[in-house]
Amino acid sequence: MSIPLIDQSKEEKLVTLTDVSWEQFKGIEAQLKDNRKVRLSYFSGMLEIMSPVGEEHEFVKSTLSLLLDAYMREKGIRFYKRGGYTLEEPGYASGTPDESYSIDVKREVPDIVIEIVVTSSSINRKDLYKPKKIPEVWFWKSNQMKIFHLTEDGEYEEVNRSKFFPDLDPAILLRYIAISDQYDAVQEFIQAVRQ
């Protein structure tokens, strides 16, 4: 079965600045704190400013979140939806995932962060989450899903399936993300999970 493609947004703009100190970054962040259309990422002197987040980005993010929520409910997996809050290692890294989850127990640091990539980044997004030792980082980009698991030596390696959901094939998620009606997508996905 072929997966319909979701058009990539051309609306997002990305500006990358180098040699930015942590103090400069925090100053810029403070100036933009009330602007929800701007998303900042910082890693070891590199600052990215992205604006605005496009409609396709939000559609994929919310659909994937609805599907994961439905999957965990159907499987009786306790979860805590953490949203897109900033994860920071002062002086070094700051990033805001599109979505995040704690599995089984609510923790200070989420177990899974999810990034919807529409505009390519100069910053390796996995590096943003290494300091906090996020166990898994998921990326949706160009109708593909990639999952990276943190190894014991502190590096991310790509895996075929989530360690938290070994029975969930990411290709199934892609199939239902591609359905244009979110309600129908979630209902059909739930039926597939039950079978």
N, C-alpha and C. Protein backbone atom coordinates (compact mmCIF):
# COMPACT_ATOMS: atom_id res chain seq x y z
N MET A 1 0.85 -1.19 0.00
CA MET A 1 0.00 0.00 0.00
C MET A 1 0.89 1.24 0.00
N SER A 2 0.65 2.15 -0.92
CA SER A 2 1.45 3.37 -0.95
C SER A 2 0.87 4.40 0.01
N ILE A 3 1.75 5.21 0.55
CA ILE A 3 1.36 6.23 1.52
C ILE A 3 1.22 7.55 0.78
N PRO A 4 0.04 8.20 0.87
CA PRO A 4 -0.10 9.50 0.22
C PRO A 4 0.89 10.49 0.82
N LEU A 5 1.35 11.40 0.01
CA LEU A 5 2.32 12.38 0.49
C LEU A 5 1.62 13.61 1.03
N ILE A 6 2.17 14.14 2.08
CA ILE A 6 1.70 15.41 2.64
C ILE A 6 2.65 16.48 2.13
N ASP A 7 2.09 17.51 1.53
CA ASP A 7 2.93 18.58 0.99
C ASP A 7 3.72 19.26 2.09
N GLN A 8 4.97 19.58 1.77
CA GLN A 8 5.83 20.28 2.72
C GLN A 8 5.54 21.78 2.64
N SER A 9 5.54 22.41 3.79
CA SER A 9 5.27 23.84 3.87
C SER A 9 6.44 24.65 3.33
N LYS A 10 6.12 25.66 2.59
CA LYS A 10 7.14 26.60 2.13
C LYS A 10 7.05 27.89 2.95
N GLU A 11 6.15 27.91 3.95
CA GLU A 11 5.93 29.12 4.74
C GLU A 11 7.01 29.35 5.78
N GLU A 12 7.57 28.27 6.33
CA GLU A 12 8.52 28.43 7.42
C GLU A 12 9.81 29.07 6.94
N LYS A 13 10.33 29.94 7.77
CA LYS A 13 11.61 30.61 7.50
C LYS A 13 12.56 30.27 8.63
N LEU A 14 13.83 30.04 8.27
CA LEU A 14 14.82 29.68 9.26
C LEU A 14 16.03 30.58 9.11
N VAL A 15 16.43 31.19 10.22
CA VAL A 15 17.64 32.01 10.26
C VAL A 15 18.59 31.36 11.25
N THR A 16 19.84 31.18 10.84
CA THR A 16 20.85 30.59 11.71
C THR A 16 21.95 31.61 11.99
N LEU A 17 22.26 31.79 13.26
CA LEU A 17 23.33 32.69 13.68
C LEU A 17 24.39 31.87 14.39
N THR A 18 25.66 32.19 14.15
CA THR A 18 26.75 31.46 14.80
C THR A 18 27.47 32.39 15.77
N ASP A 19 28.29 31.81 16.62
CA ASP A 19 29.06 32.55 17.62
C ASP A 19 28.18 33.39 18.53
N VAL A 20 27.07 32.83 18.93
CA VAL A 20 26.14 33.50 19.84
C VAL A 20 26.39 32.95 21.24
N SER A 21 26.66 33.81 22.18
CA SER A 21 26.90 33.35 23.55
C SER A 21 25.56 32.96 24.19
N TRP A 22 25.65 32.20 25.26
CA TRP A 22 24.45 31.81 26.00
C TRP A 22 23.72 33.05 26.50
N GLU A 23 24.46 34.04 26.96
CA GLU A 23 23.85 35.27 27.47
C GLU A 23 23.13 36.02 26.36
N GLN A 24 23.74 36.07 25.17
CA GLN A 24 23.08 36.72 24.03
C GLN A 24 21.80 35.97 23.67
N PHE A 25 21.89 34.65 23.64
CA PHE A 25 20.71 33.83 23.34
C PHE A 25 19.59 34.12 24.34
N LYS A 26 19.91 34.14 25.63
CA LYS A 26 18.88 34.38 26.64
C LYS A 26 18.27 35.78 26.49
N GLY A 27 19.09 36.74 26.07
CA GLY A 27 18.58 38.09 25.82
C GLY A 27 17.59 38.12 24.66
N ILE A 28 17.95 37.43 23.58
CA ILE A 28 17.05 37.35 22.41
C ILE A 28 15.78 36.61 22.80
N GLU A 29 15.93 35.53 23.55
CA GLU A 29 14.77 34.75 24.00
C GLU A 29 13.82 35.62 24.82
N ALA A 30 14.39 36.44 25.71
CA ALA A 30 13.57 37.32 26.55
C ALA A 30 12.81 38.34 25.70
N GLN A 31 13.47 38.85 24.67
CA GLN A 31 12.83 39.83 23.78
C GLN A 31 11.66 39.22 23.00
N LEU A 32 11.76 37.92 22.72
CA LEU A 32 10.74 37.25 21.90
C LEU A 32 9.78 36.39 22.71
N LYS A 33 9.82 36.50 24.03
CA LYS A 33 9.04 35.59 24.88
C LYS A 33 7.53 35.62 24.61
N ASP A 34 7.00 36.74 24.18
CA ASP A 34 5.56 36.84 23.93
C ASP A 34 5.18 36.54 22.48
N ASN A 35 6.17 36.23 21.66
CA ASN A 35 5.91 35.94 20.25
C ASN A 35 5.85 34.43 20.05
N ARG A 36 4.65 33.88 20.04
CA ARG A 36 4.47 32.44 19.92
C ARG A 36 4.72 31.92 18.51
N LYS A 37 4.89 32.82 17.56
CA LYS A 37 5.13 32.40 16.18
C LYS A 37 6.61 32.11 15.92
N VAL A 38 7.46 32.45 16.88
CA VAL A 38 8.90 32.26 16.72
C VAL A 38 9.35 31.12 17.62
N ARG A 39 10.18 30.25 17.06
CA ARG A 39 10.73 29.13 17.81
C ARG A 39 12.25 29.22 17.79
N LEU A 40 12.85 29.18 18.97
CA LEU A 40 14.30 29.30 19.09
C LEU A 40 14.92 27.97 19.48
N SER A 41 16.08 27.68 18.91
CA SER A 41 16.89 26.54 19.32
C SER A 41 18.32 27.03 19.44
N TYR A 42 19.01 26.52 20.47
CA TYR A 42 20.39 26.93 20.71
C TYR A 42 21.23 25.70 20.98
N PHE A 43 22.41 25.65 20.35
CA PHE A 43 23.32 24.55 20.63
C PHE A 43 24.75 25.02 20.46
N SER A 44 25.47 25.09 21.55
CA SER A 44 26.91 25.34 21.54
C SER A 44 27.32 26.51 20.64
N GLY A 45 26.66 27.67 20.84
CA GLY A 45 27.03 28.87 20.09
C GLY A 45 26.23 29.11 18.82
N MET A 46 25.40 28.15 18.42
CA MET A 46 24.58 28.33 17.22
C MET A 46 23.13 28.56 17.63
N LEU A 47 22.54 29.61 17.08
CA LEU A 47 21.15 29.96 17.37
C LEU A 47 20.34 29.86 16.10
N GLU A 48 19.22 29.16 16.19
CA GLU A 48 18.27 29.10 15.08
C GLU A 48 16.98 29.78 15.48
N ILE A 49 16.49 30.60 14.56
CA ILE A 49 15.22 31.29 14.76
C ILE A 49 14.31 30.84 13.62
N MET A 50 13.20 30.18 13.98
CA MET A 50 12.27 29.69 12.97
C MET A 50 10.93 30.40 13.14
N SER A 51 10.38 30.83 12.01
CA SER A 51 9.08 31.50 12.03
C SER A 51 8.49 31.50 10.63
N PRO A 52 7.20 31.42 10.49
CA PRO A 52 6.25 30.86 11.44
C PRO A 52 6.16 29.36 11.26
N VAL A 53 5.49 28.69 12.16
CA VAL A 53 5.23 27.27 12.00
C VAL A 53 4.03 27.15 11.08
N GLY A 54 4.16 26.36 10.02
CA GLY A 54 3.13 26.26 8.99
C GLY A 54 2.00 25.31 9.33
N GLU A 55 0.97 25.38 8.51
CA GLU A 55 -0.24 24.57 8.71
C GLU A 55 0.06 23.08 8.62
N GLU A 56 0.89 22.68 7.64
CA GLU A 56 1.22 21.26 7.50
C GLU A 56 1.92 20.73 8.74
N HIS A 57 2.83 21.53 9.27
CA HIS A 57 3.56 21.17 10.48
C HIS A 57 2.58 20.88 11.62
N GLU A 58 1.66 21.79 11.83
CA GLU A 58 0.69 21.64 12.91
C GLU A 58 -0.24 20.46 12.69
N PHE A 59 -0.62 20.22 11.43
CA PHE A 59 -1.50 19.08 11.12
C PHE A 59 -0.81 17.76 11.45
N VAL A 60 0.43 17.60 11.00
CA VAL A 60 1.17 16.36 11.26
C VAL A 60 1.39 16.19 12.76
N LYS A 61 1.80 17.26 13.43
CA LYS A 61 2.05 17.20 14.87
C LYS A 61 0.80 16.76 15.62
N SER A 62 -0.31 17.39 15.35
CA SER A 62 -1.52 17.07 16.11
C SER A 62 -2.06 15.69 15.73
N THR A 63 -1.96 15.29 14.48
CA THR A 63 -2.44 13.96 14.08
C THR A 63 -1.59 12.87 14.72
N LEU A 64 -0.28 13.01 14.67
CA LEU A 64 0.60 12.02 15.29
C LEU A 64 0.32 11.92 16.79
N SER A 65 0.13 13.04 17.43
CA SER A 65 -0.17 13.06 18.86
C SER A 65 -1.49 12.34 19.16
N LEU A 66 -2.51 12.62 18.37
CA LEU A 66 -3.80 11.94 18.56
C LEU A 66 -3.67 10.44 18.37
N LEU A 67 -2.88 10.02 17.38
CA LEU A 67 -2.69 8.59 17.12
C LEU A 67 -1.95 7.92 18.28
N LEU A 68 -0.89 8.55 18.75
CA LEU A 68 -0.15 7.96 19.88
C LEU A 68 -0.99 7.90 21.14
N ASP A 69 -1.76 8.95 21.40
CA ASP A 69 -2.64 8.95 22.57
C ASP A 69 -3.62 7.78 22.47
N ALA A 70 -4.22 7.60 21.29
CA ALA A 70 -5.19 6.52 21.08
C ALA A 70 -4.52 5.15 21.25
N TYR A 71 -3.32 5.00 20.71
CA TYR A 71 -2.60 3.74 20.83
C TYR A 71 -2.35 3.39 22.29
N MET A 72 -1.84 4.34 23.06
CA MET A 72 -1.52 4.06 24.45
C MET A 72 -2.77 3.76 25.26
N ARG A 73 -3.86 4.45 24.97
CA ARG A 73 -5.12 4.16 25.67
C ARG A 73 -5.61 2.75 25.34
N GLU A 74 -5.57 2.40 24.06
CA GLU A 74 -6.02 1.08 23.63
C GLU A 74 -5.18 -0.04 24.24
N LYS A 75 -3.90 0.21 24.40
CA LYS A 75 -2.98 -0.81 24.93
C LYS A 75 -2.85 -0.75 26.45
N GLY A 76 -3.54 0.19 27.08
CA GLY A 76 -3.48 0.30 28.52
C GLY A 76 -2.13 0.77 29.03
N ILE A 77 -1.46 1.59 28.23
CA ILE A 77 -0.15 2.13 28.62
C ILE A 77 -0.37 3.48 29.29
N ARG A 78 0.06 3.59 30.53
CA ARG A 78 -0.07 4.86 31.25
C ARG A 78 0.92 5.86 30.64
N PHE A 79 0.44 7.07 30.37
CA PHE A 79 1.32 8.09 29.80
C PHE A 79 0.94 9.46 30.31
N TYR A 80 1.92 10.35 30.21
CA TYR A 80 1.74 11.74 30.59
C TYR A 80 2.21 12.59 29.43
N LYS A 81 1.27 13.26 28.81
CA LYS A 81 1.58 14.12 27.67
C LYS A 81 2.22 15.38 28.20
N ARG A 82 3.41 15.68 27.70
CA ARG A 82 4.18 16.80 28.23
C ARG A 82 4.12 18.04 27.35
N GLY A 83 3.71 17.87 26.10
CA GLY A 83 3.63 19.01 25.20
C GLY A 83 4.99 19.44 24.69
N GLY A 84 5.03 20.64 24.17
CA GLY A 84 6.26 21.19 23.61
C GLY A 84 6.84 22.24 24.53
N TYR A 85 7.46 21.81 25.60
CA TYR A 85 8.09 22.76 26.51
C TYR A 85 9.60 22.70 26.33
N THR A 86 10.26 23.78 26.65
CA THR A 86 11.69 23.90 26.40
C THR A 86 12.50 23.04 27.35
N LEU A 87 13.40 22.25 26.76
CA LEU A 87 14.36 21.44 27.50
C LEU A 87 15.71 22.13 27.37
N GLU A 88 16.34 22.39 28.50
CA GLU A 88 17.51 23.25 28.48
C GLU A 88 18.64 22.69 29.33
N GLU A 89 19.84 22.80 28.80
CA GLU A 89 21.07 22.55 29.56
C GLU A 89 21.78 23.90 29.58
N PRO A 90 21.67 24.66 30.68
CA PRO A 90 22.18 26.03 30.71
C PRO A 90 23.62 26.16 30.20
N GLY A 91 23.80 27.16 29.36
CA GLY A 91 25.10 27.45 28.79
C GLY A 91 25.45 26.65 27.56
N TYR A 92 24.61 25.67 27.22
CA TYR A 92 25.00 24.74 26.16
C TYR A 92 23.91 24.46 25.13
N ALA A 93 22.71 24.08 25.59
CA ALA A 93 21.67 23.66 24.65
C ALA A 93 20.28 24.05 25.15
N SER A 94 19.43 24.41 24.19
CA SER A 94 18.04 24.71 24.49
C SER A 94 17.22 24.36 23.26
N GLY A 95 16.19 23.54 23.45
CA GLY A 95 15.34 23.15 22.33
C GLY A 95 13.94 22.85 22.81
N THR A 96 12.99 23.07 21.93
CA THR A 96 11.59 22.83 22.24
C THR A 96 11.05 21.81 21.26
N PRO A 97 10.78 20.58 21.72
CA PRO A 97 10.19 19.60 20.81
C PRO A 97 8.75 19.98 20.48
N ASP A 98 8.23 19.36 19.44
CA ASP A 98 6.83 19.60 19.08
C ASP A 98 5.88 18.91 20.06
N GLU A 99 6.30 17.77 20.58
CA GLU A 99 5.49 17.03 21.54
C GLU A 99 6.43 16.19 22.37
N SER A 100 5.99 15.80 23.56
CA SER A 100 6.80 14.93 24.39
C SER A 100 5.89 14.13 25.33
N TYR A 101 6.41 12.98 25.74
CA TYR A 101 5.64 12.07 26.60
C TYR A 101 6.54 11.47 27.67
N SER A 102 5.97 11.28 28.85
CA SER A 102 6.54 10.40 29.86
C SER A 102 5.69 9.13 29.84
N ILE A 103 6.35 7.98 29.88
CA ILE A 103 5.65 6.70 29.82
C ILE A 103 5.68 6.07 31.21
N ASP A 104 4.54 5.58 31.64
CA ASP A 104 4.33 4.90 32.93
C ASP A 104 4.35 5.83 34.13
N VAL A 105 5.37 6.68 34.24
CA VAL A 105 5.52 7.56 35.40
C VAL A 105 5.83 8.97 34.91
N LYS A 106 5.23 9.95 35.54
CA LYS A 106 5.54 11.34 35.18
C LYS A 106 6.91 11.68 35.72
N ARG A 107 7.80 12.06 34.80
CA ARG A 107 9.18 12.39 35.17
C ARG A 107 9.47 13.85 34.81
N GLU A 108 10.53 14.35 35.41
CA GLU A 108 10.95 15.72 35.08
C GLU A 108 11.37 15.82 33.61
N VAL A 109 12.04 14.78 33.13
CA VAL A 109 12.51 14.73 31.74
C VAL A 109 11.66 13.70 31.01
N PRO A 110 11.09 14.04 29.86
CA PRO A 110 10.23 13.08 29.14
C PRO A 110 11.03 11.89 28.60
N ASP A 111 10.31 10.80 28.33
CA ASP A 111 10.91 9.61 27.73
C ASP A 111 11.02 9.72 26.22
N ILE A 112 10.07 10.41 25.62
CA ILE A 112 10.02 10.55 24.17
C ILE A 112 9.82 12.01 23.81
N VAL A 113 10.62 12.53 22.89
CA VAL A 113 10.34 13.83 22.29
C VAL A 113 10.12 13.61 20.80
N ILE A 114 9.24 14.41 20.25
CA ILE A 114 8.88 14.28 18.84
C ILE A 114 9.14 15.60 18.14
N GLU A 115 9.79 15.50 17.00
CA GLU A 115 10.08 16.67 16.15
C GLU A 115 9.43 16.46 14.79
N ILE A 116 8.67 17.45 14.36
CA ILE A 116 8.12 17.46 13.01
C ILE A 116 9.01 18.40 12.21
N VAL A 117 9.72 17.86 11.25
CA VAL A 117 10.71 18.63 10.50
C VAL A 117 10.15 18.97 9.13
N VAL A 118 9.94 20.26 8.92
CA VAL A 118 9.47 20.74 7.63
C VAL A 118 10.60 21.53 6.95
N THR A 119 11.29 22.33 7.74
CA THR A 119 12.43 23.10 7.26
C THR A 119 13.68 22.52 7.90
N SER A 120 14.64 22.14 7.08
CA SER A 120 15.86 21.52 7.61
C SER A 120 16.62 22.48 8.52
N SER A 121 17.19 21.90 9.54
CA SER A 121 17.88 22.66 10.58
C SER A 121 19.39 22.53 10.41
N SER A 122 20.12 23.56 10.80
CA SER A 122 21.57 23.49 10.83
C SER A 122 22.04 22.77 12.08
N ILE A 123 21.22 22.81 13.11
CA ILE A 123 21.53 22.13 14.37
C ILE A 123 21.05 20.69 14.27
N ASN A 124 21.90 19.76 14.67
CA ASN A 124 21.49 18.38 14.77
C ASN A 124 20.53 18.29 15.96
N ARG A 125 19.26 18.12 15.68
CA ARG A 125 18.24 18.18 16.74
C ARG A 125 18.45 17.11 17.81
N LYS A 126 19.05 16.00 17.46
CA LYS A 126 19.32 14.98 18.48
C LYS A 126 20.29 15.51 19.53
N ASP A 127 21.25 16.33 19.10
CA ASP A 127 22.23 16.90 20.03
C ASP A 127 21.57 17.77 21.10
N LEU A 128 20.44 18.38 20.77
CA LEU A 128 19.75 19.23 21.74
C LEU A 128 19.27 18.43 22.94
N TYR A 129 18.98 17.14 22.72
CA TYR A 129 18.36 16.33 23.78
C TYR A 129 19.35 15.40 24.49
N LYS A 130 20.56 15.31 23.98
CA LYS A 130 21.58 14.47 24.64
C LYS A 130 21.86 14.91 26.07
N PRO A 131 22.05 16.22 26.33
CA PRO A 131 22.38 16.62 27.71
C PRO A 131 21.33 16.21 28.73
N LYS A 132 20.06 16.12 28.32
CA LYS A 132 18.99 15.73 29.23
C LYS A 132 18.76 14.22 29.23
N LYS A 133 19.53 13.51 28.38
CA LYS A 133 19.44 12.05 28.29
C LYS A 133 18.01 11.58 27.99
N ILE A 134 17.39 12.23 27.01
CA ILE A 134 16.06 11.82 26.56
C ILE A 134 16.19 10.43 25.93
N PRO A 135 15.47 9.42 26.42
CA PRO A 135 15.64 8.07 25.91
C PRO A 135 15.34 7.90 24.42
N GLU A 136 14.31 8.59 23.91
CA GLU A 136 13.99 8.46 22.48
C GLU A 136 13.65 9.80 21.86
N VAL A 137 14.12 9.97 20.63
CA VAL A 137 13.79 11.15 19.82
C VAL A 137 13.19 10.63 18.52
N TRP A 138 11.99 11.11 18.22
CA TRP A 138 11.29 10.72 17.00
C TRP A 138 11.28 11.91 16.04
N PHE A 139 11.49 11.62 14.77
CA PHE A 139 11.43 12.65 13.72
C PHE A 139 10.46 12.22 12.64
N TRP A 140 9.55 13.14 12.28
CA TRP A 140 8.75 12.98 11.07
C TRP A 140 9.31 13.99 10.10
N LYS A 141 9.69 13.52 8.91
CA LYS A 141 10.18 14.41 7.86
C LYS A 141 9.88 13.79 6.51
N SER A 142 9.29 14.58 5.64
CA SER A 142 9.02 14.15 4.26
C SER A 142 8.34 12.79 4.23
N ASN A 143 7.30 12.64 5.05
CA ASN A 143 6.51 11.42 5.08
C ASN A 143 7.30 10.19 5.48
N GLN A 144 8.32 10.41 6.29
CA GLN A 144 9.09 9.30 6.86
C GLN A 144 9.18 9.51 8.37
N MET A 145 9.25 8.40 9.07
CA MET A 145 9.38 8.45 10.52
C MET A 145 10.70 7.77 10.88
N LYS A 146 11.50 8.49 11.67
CA LYS A 146 12.75 7.91 12.16
C LYS A 146 12.75 8.00 13.67
N ILE A 147 13.16 6.92 14.30
CA ILE A 147 13.18 6.84 15.75
C ILE A 147 14.63 6.57 16.18
N PHE A 148 15.09 7.36 17.14
CA PHE A 148 16.45 7.21 17.65
C PHE A 148 16.38 6.93 19.15
N HIS A 149 17.13 5.92 19.56
CA HIS A 149 17.16 5.52 20.96
C HIS A 149 18.54 5.85 21.53
N LEU A 150 18.56 6.38 22.75
CA LEU A 150 19.81 6.73 23.41
C LEU A 150 20.49 5.46 23.92
N THR A 151 21.73 5.25 23.49
CA THR A 151 22.48 4.07 23.92
C THR A 151 23.15 4.32 25.26
N GLU A 152 23.72 3.28 25.83
CA GLU A 152 24.39 3.41 27.12
C GLU A 152 25.59 4.34 27.06
N ASP A 153 26.20 4.47 25.85
CA ASP A 153 27.35 5.37 25.73
C ASP A 153 26.95 6.81 25.41
N GLY A 154 25.63 7.10 25.49
CA GLY A 154 25.16 8.47 25.35
C GLY A 154 25.00 8.96 23.93
N GLU A 155 24.96 8.05 22.97
CA GLU A 155 24.74 8.43 21.56
C GLU A 155 23.38 7.91 21.11
N TYR A 156 22.81 8.58 20.12
CA TYR A 156 21.54 8.11 19.57
C TYR A 156 21.80 7.20 18.39
N GLU A 157 21.09 6.07 18.38
CA GLU A 157 21.16 5.18 17.23
C GLU A 157 19.75 4.98 16.70
N GLU A 158 19.66 4.90 15.37
CA GLU A 158 18.35 4.70 14.75
C GLU A 158 17.89 3.27 15.00
N VAL A 159 16.61 3.14 15.35
CA VAL A 159 16.00 1.84 15.59
C VAL A 159 14.75 1.72 14.71
N ASN A 160 14.31 0.51 14.49
CA ASN A 160 13.13 0.28 13.66
C ASN A 160 11.82 0.58 14.38
N ARG A 161 11.84 0.38 15.70
CA ARG A 161 10.64 0.59 16.50
C ARG A 161 11.01 1.20 17.85
N SER A 162 10.05 1.85 18.43
CA SER A 162 10.25 2.43 19.75
C SER A 162 10.46 1.33 20.78
N LYS A 163 11.38 1.55 21.70
CA LYS A 163 11.58 0.62 22.81
C LYS A 163 10.37 0.64 23.74
N PHE A 164 9.62 1.74 23.74
CA PHE A 164 8.44 1.85 24.57
C PHE A 164 7.22 1.18 23.95
N PHE A 165 7.19 1.11 22.61
CA PHE A 165 6.07 0.51 21.89
C PHE A 165 6.60 -0.49 20.85
N PRO A 166 7.15 -1.62 21.29
CA PRO A 166 7.77 -2.54 20.34
C PRO A 166 6.79 -3.15 19.33
N ASP A 167 5.49 -3.14 19.65
CA ASP A 167 4.50 -3.71 18.74
C ASP A 167 3.94 -2.69 17.73
N LEU A 168 4.37 -1.45 17.83
CA LEU A 168 3.83 -0.40 16.95
C LEU A 168 4.80 -0.14 15.80
N ASP A 169 4.38 -0.49 14.61
CA ASP A 169 5.18 -0.25 13.40
C ASP A 169 5.01 1.21 12.99
N PRO A 170 6.10 1.98 12.89
CA PRO A 170 5.99 3.39 12.49
C PRO A 170 5.31 3.58 11.13
N ALA A 171 5.39 2.60 10.24
CA ALA A 171 4.73 2.70 8.94
C ALA A 171 3.22 2.81 9.10
N ILE A 172 2.67 2.18 10.12
CA ILE A 172 1.23 2.28 10.40
C ILE A 172 0.87 3.72 10.76
N LEU A 173 1.70 4.33 11.59
CA LEU A 173 1.45 5.73 11.95
C LEU A 173 1.46 6.61 10.71
N LEU A 174 2.43 6.39 9.84
CA LEU A 174 2.52 7.20 8.61
C LEU A 174 1.27 7.06 7.76
N ARG A 175 0.75 5.86 7.68
CA ARG A 175 -0.46 5.61 6.88
C ARG A 175 -1.62 6.46 7.37
N TYR A 176 -1.76 6.53 8.70
CA TYR A 176 -2.91 7.27 9.26
C TYR A 176 -2.65 8.77 9.36
N ILE A 177 -1.40 9.17 9.48
CA ILE A 177 -1.09 10.61 9.43
C ILE A 177 -1.48 11.18 8.08
N ALA A 178 -1.36 10.37 7.03
CA ALA A 178 -1.62 10.83 5.67
C ALA A 178 -3.11 10.99 5.36
N ILE A 179 -3.99 10.50 6.23
CA ILE A 179 -5.43 10.68 6.01
C ILE A 179 -5.78 12.12 6.35
N SER A 180 -6.46 12.79 5.45
CA SER A 180 -6.70 14.23 5.62
C SER A 180 -7.71 14.57 6.72
N ASP A 181 -8.57 13.65 7.08
CA ASP A 181 -9.54 13.89 8.14
C ASP A 181 -9.03 13.24 9.43
N GLN A 182 -8.67 14.07 10.41
CA GLN A 182 -8.08 13.55 11.64
C GLN A 182 -9.02 12.61 12.39
N TYR A 183 -10.28 12.96 12.45
CA TYR A 183 -11.24 12.12 13.17
C TYR A 183 -11.28 10.73 12.55
N ASP A 184 -11.44 10.68 11.22
CA ASP A 184 -11.47 9.39 10.54
C ASP A 184 -10.16 8.64 10.72
N ALA A 185 -9.05 9.36 10.66
CA ALA A 185 -7.74 8.72 10.81
C ALA A 185 -7.64 8.02 12.16
N VAL A 186 -8.03 8.71 13.22
CA VAL A 186 -7.92 8.14 14.57
C VAL A 186 -8.88 6.97 14.73
N GLN A 187 -10.11 7.12 14.24
CA GLN A 187 -11.08 6.03 14.37
C GLN A 187 -10.62 4.78 13.62
N GLU A 188 -10.12 4.96 12.41
CA GLU A 188 -9.64 3.82 11.62
C GLU A 188 -8.40 3.21 12.26
N PHE A 189 -7.54 4.03 12.81
CA PHE A 189 -6.34 3.54 13.49
C PHE A 189 -6.71 2.71 14.70
N ILE A 190 -7.66 3.18 15.49
CA ILE A 190 -8.10 2.42 16.67
C ILE A 190 -8.61 1.05 16.25
N GLN A 191 -9.40 1.00 15.18
CA GLN A 191 -9.90 -0.28 14.69
C GLN A 191 -8.75 -1.19 14.29
N ALA A 192 -7.75 -0.65 13.63
CA ALA A 192 -6.59 -1.45 13.21
C ALA A 192 -5.83 -1.96 14.43
N VAL A 193 -5.68 -1.13 15.47
CA VAL A 193 -4.98 -1.55 16.68
C VAL A 193 -5.72 -2.67 17.38
N ARG A 194 -7.04 -2.61 17.37
CA ARG A 194 -7.85 -3.63 18.04
C ARG A 194 -7.77 -4.98 17.33
N GLN A 195 -7.49 -4.95 16.03
CA GLN A 195 -7.39 -6.21 15.28
C GLN A 195 -6.04 -6.76 15.52
